[in-house]
Protein backbone atom coordinates (compact mmCIF):
# COMPACT_ATOMS: atom_id res chain seq x y z
CA MET A 1 107.14 85.76 137.95
CA ASP A 2 108.82 84.33 141.01
CA GLU A 3 107.09 81.41 142.69
CA ASN A 4 107.36 82.89 146.20
CA SER A 5 104.25 85.09 145.89
CA PRO A 6 102.40 83.97 142.76
CA ASN A 7 98.96 85.34 143.64
CA LEU A 8 100.14 88.79 144.66
CA LEU A 9 102.53 89.18 141.76
CA ALA A 10 99.94 88.04 139.25
CA SER A 11 97.52 90.70 140.49
CA LEU A 12 100.08 93.54 140.57
CA HIS A 13 100.17 96.13 137.77
CA TRP A 14 102.81 98.87 137.51
CA LEU A 15 101.30 102.01 135.98
CA GLY A 16 104.55 103.95 135.84
CA HIS A 17 106.72 105.81 138.35
CA ASP A 18 105.32 104.86 141.81
CA SER A 19 101.78 104.09 140.70
CA TYR A 20 100.34 100.58 141.10
CA ARG A 21 97.07 98.71 140.83
CA ILE A 22 96.32 95.45 142.64
CA ASP A 23 93.44 93.39 141.26
CA GLY A 24 91.82 91.25 143.94
CA PRO A 25 90.12 90.74 146.23
CA MET A 26 89.53 94.49 145.82
CA VAL A 27 90.83 96.86 143.15
CA ILE A 28 93.48 98.84 145.01
CA TYR A 29 95.52 101.77 143.67
CA ILE A 30 98.66 103.16 145.27
CA ASP A 31 99.73 106.72 144.41
CA PRO A 32 97.73 106.95 141.16
CA TRP A 33 99.30 109.49 138.78
CA GLN A 34 99.10 109.93 135.01
CA LEU A 35 96.87 106.89 134.75
CA PRO A 36 96.13 105.30 131.38
CA ASP A 37 92.64 105.72 129.98
CA ASP A 38 91.29 102.24 130.57
CA CYS A 39 91.79 101.91 134.34
CA PRO A 40 88.97 100.16 136.23
CA ALA A 41 87.22 101.87 139.12
CA ALA A 42 88.86 101.59 142.52
CA ASP A 43 87.58 100.00 145.70
CA LEU A 44 90.50 101.45 147.67
CA ILE A 45 92.99 104.24 146.91
CA LEU A 46 96.16 104.78 148.97
CA VAL A 47 98.23 107.98 148.76
CA SER A 48 101.61 108.14 150.48
CA HIS A 49 102.35 111.88 150.54
CA ASP A 50 101.46 115.23 149.02
CA HIS A 51 104.01 115.61 146.20
CA TYR A 52 102.37 116.11 142.79
CA ASP A 53 103.70 112.87 141.30
CA HIS A 54 102.03 110.85 144.07
CA CYS A 55 99.02 112.91 145.11
CA SER A 56 96.87 113.71 142.07
CA ASP A 57 93.28 114.60 142.85
CA ASP A 58 92.44 114.51 139.13
CA ASP A 59 93.62 110.90 138.85
CA VAL A 60 91.86 109.93 142.08
CA LYS A 61 88.61 111.36 140.75
CA ARG A 62 88.93 109.34 137.52
CA ILE A 63 88.89 106.01 139.36
CA ARG A 64 86.75 106.96 142.34
CA THR A 65 83.10 106.00 142.88
CA ASP A 66 80.71 106.71 145.73
CA ASP A 67 81.85 103.46 147.33
CA THR A 68 85.62 103.98 146.98
CA ARG A 69 87.63 104.38 150.17
CA VAL A 70 90.51 106.86 149.97
CA ILE A 71 93.30 106.71 152.56
CA ALA A 72 96.20 109.15 152.70
CA ASN A 73 98.82 110.57 155.00
CA PRO A 74 97.83 113.90 156.63
CA SER A 75 99.49 116.23 154.09
CA ALA A 76 98.05 114.37 151.08
CA ALA A 77 94.59 114.20 152.65
CA GLU A 78 94.47 118.00 152.67
CA ARG A 79 94.96 118.06 148.88
CA LEU A 80 92.34 115.47 147.97
CA THR A 81 88.60 115.89 147.58
CA PRO A 82 86.80 114.61 150.71
CA PRO A 83 85.98 112.20 152.11
CA VAL A 84 89.51 110.97 152.82
CA SER A 85 90.60 108.85 155.78
CA VAL A 86 93.91 109.90 157.34
CA LEU A 87 96.51 107.27 158.19
CA LYS A 88 99.62 108.17 160.18
CA ILE A 89 102.87 106.31 160.73
CA GLY A 90 102.30 103.24 162.88
CA GLU A 91 98.54 103.15 162.39
CA ILE A 92 96.77 100.10 160.99
CA VAL A 93 93.36 99.76 159.39
CA THR A 94 91.62 96.77 157.80
CA ILE A 95 89.26 97.29 154.86
CA GLY A 96 87.55 94.47 153.01
CA GLY A 97 89.88 91.95 154.58
CA VAL A 98 93.01 93.87 153.52
CA LYS A 99 95.24 95.01 156.37
CA ILE A 100 96.92 98.38 155.71
CA GLU A 101 99.80 99.57 157.88
CA ALA A 102 101.43 102.99 157.48
CA VAL A 103 105.22 102.76 157.76
CA PRO A 104 107.88 105.53 157.74
CA ALA A 105 109.29 106.91 154.48
CA TYR A 106 111.91 109.65 154.56
CA ASN A 107 115.31 110.85 153.40
CA LEU A 108 118.47 110.53 155.45
CA ASP A 109 120.70 112.98 153.56
CA LYS A 110 118.30 114.91 151.32
CA ARG A 111 115.79 117.68 151.92
CA PHE A 112 112.92 116.39 149.79
CA HIS A 113 111.26 114.02 152.25
CA PRO A 114 112.22 115.04 155.79
CA LYS A 115 111.48 112.62 158.59
CA GLY A 116 109.24 115.13 160.36
CA ALA A 117 106.94 115.51 157.34
CA GLY A 118 105.06 112.32 158.15
CA HIS A 119 105.30 110.80 154.68
CA ILE A 120 104.47 107.12 154.63
CA GLY A 121 104.85 103.84 152.85
CA PHE A 122 102.37 101.00 153.11
CA ARG A 123 102.56 97.38 154.16
CA LEU A 124 99.53 95.51 152.89
CA THR A 125 98.46 92.04 153.94
CA ILE A 126 96.19 90.42 151.38
CA ALA A 127 95.06 86.88 152.21
CA ASP A 128 98.29 85.22 153.37
CA GLU A 129 100.68 87.46 151.39
CA SER A 130 102.22 90.81 152.24
CA LEU A 131 103.37 93.71 150.07
CA TYR A 132 105.62 96.60 151.13
CA PHE A 133 105.32 99.82 149.15
CA ALA A 134 108.31 101.82 150.36
CA GLY A 135 107.18 105.24 149.12
CA ASP A 136 109.74 107.99 148.58
CA THR A 137 112.48 106.97 150.97
CA ASP A 138 116.10 106.18 151.56
CA HIS A 139 117.44 103.00 153.15
CA ILE A 140 116.15 103.80 156.63
CA PRO A 141 116.65 101.90 159.90
CA GLU A 142 112.93 101.08 160.14
CA MET A 143 113.33 98.67 157.22
CA LYS A 144 115.11 96.19 159.49
CA GLY A 145 112.64 93.53 160.54
CA LEU A 146 110.00 94.72 158.07
CA GLN A 147 108.89 91.36 156.75
CA CYS A 148 107.09 91.04 153.42
CA ASP A 149 106.70 88.75 150.43
CA VAL A 150 106.97 91.52 147.81
CA ALA A 151 108.88 94.79 148.23
CA LEU A 152 108.38 97.77 145.90
CA LEU A 153 111.53 99.89 146.22
CA PRO A 154 112.54 103.22 144.60
CA VAL A 155 115.82 103.03 142.69
CA SER A 156 116.32 106.32 140.82
CA GLY A 157 118.44 108.32 143.25
CA THR A 158 118.10 112.15 143.40
CA TYR A 159 114.95 112.18 145.57
CA VAL A 160 115.14 108.59 146.86
CA MET A 161 117.54 105.65 147.11
CA THR A 162 119.96 104.88 144.33
CA ALA A 163 119.94 101.42 142.77
CA GLU A 164 122.91 100.51 144.93
CA GLU A 165 121.19 101.69 148.11
CA ALA A 166 117.96 99.97 147.14
CA ALA A 167 119.84 96.69 146.69
CA GLN A 168 121.18 97.09 150.22
CA ALA A 169 117.66 97.84 151.46
CA ALA A 170 116.36 94.69 149.78
CA GLU A 171 119.03 92.66 151.56
CA THR A 172 117.98 94.25 154.87
CA ILE A 173 114.29 93.48 154.29
CA GLY A 174 114.74 90.05 152.72
CA PRO A 175 111.51 89.82 150.69
CA GLY A 176 110.62 86.91 148.48
CA VAL A 177 110.68 89.29 145.50
CA ALA A 178 111.87 92.88 145.06
CA ILE A 179 110.44 95.17 142.38
CA PRO A 180 112.06 98.48 141.35
CA MET A 181 110.02 101.68 141.01
CA HIS A 182 110.42 105.48 140.83
CA TYR A 183 111.97 105.62 137.37
CA GLY A 184 111.02 106.04 133.75
CA ALA A 185 108.37 108.77 134.12
CA GLY A 186 110.53 111.81 133.48
CA VAL A 187 110.79 112.69 137.18
CA ALA A 188 114.02 110.84 137.95
CA GLY A 189 115.67 107.60 136.93
CA THR A 190 115.68 105.40 133.85
CA ASP A 191 115.29 101.75 132.91
CA ASP A 192 119.04 101.40 133.43
CA ASP A 193 118.55 102.05 137.15
CA ALA A 194 116.10 99.16 137.35
CA ARG A 195 118.46 96.85 135.49
CA ARG A 196 121.39 97.88 137.73
CA PHE A 197 119.25 97.19 140.78
CA ARG A 198 118.51 93.71 139.45
CA ARG A 199 122.22 93.01 138.87
CA LEU A 200 123.19 94.14 142.37
CA CYS A 201 120.30 92.70 144.35
CA LYS A 202 120.84 89.54 146.40
CA VAL A 203 117.14 88.68 146.47
CA PRO A 204 115.03 87.75 143.42
CA VAL A 205 114.02 90.79 141.33
CA VAL A 206 111.11 91.18 138.92
CA ILE A 207 111.01 94.22 136.64
CA LEU A 208 107.39 94.82 135.73
CA GLU A 209 106.25 96.15 132.39
CA ASP A 210 105.16 99.77 132.63
CA GLU A 211 101.47 99.56 131.72
CA GLY A 212 101.15 103.32 131.84
CA ARG A 213 103.21 104.02 128.72
CA PRO A 214 103.13 102.67 125.16
CA ARG A 215 104.88 99.35 124.69
CA GLY A 216 108.49 99.81 123.62
CA GLN A 217 108.82 103.39 124.85
CA GLY A 218 112.13 103.88 126.64
CA SER A 219 113.40 106.40 129.18
């Protein structure tokens, strides 16, 4: 792990594709999908948009309790069992000391995530560290000036940035650490995309172990 954000990185778990869990101070899930069996209950669940590989009501129900807060963009909120709080681009909410900001996520030259759809990424501030979950996006102008300690960036191409474009996005953002995502789940992208991203990236890169699939399983 890189020394720039030791607490945040140590608490971050990649559960495959674009799904993450952050342990502490709350248990936070982002885009839970095809979760492993032993996942702890959530204090907070964030859902970026309504596509099936990001918005899974079955997975949300598995980790949800009566006290869990669920926050989603408008289209995802319609697909999840209430209650769900809606968060739109530019809006900020603070829950349990964690600041959650909805930031734009969209395609520039593809039809899958149009700008007008209102899909989002998240910028979380936890204690004195910040994490940017880019969501399903290309290298968009809004990334300029988006400061963070840890950036989670899609690298698979097809529906999102390629590894090359993601490396350029990382240079634009300038995080302490960049982490590749959106690969290895059979949707798009392979481990090779993550490794190519690491070779091309001008900022430090950490490739997390996929805790959502058996150890040693490739793509």
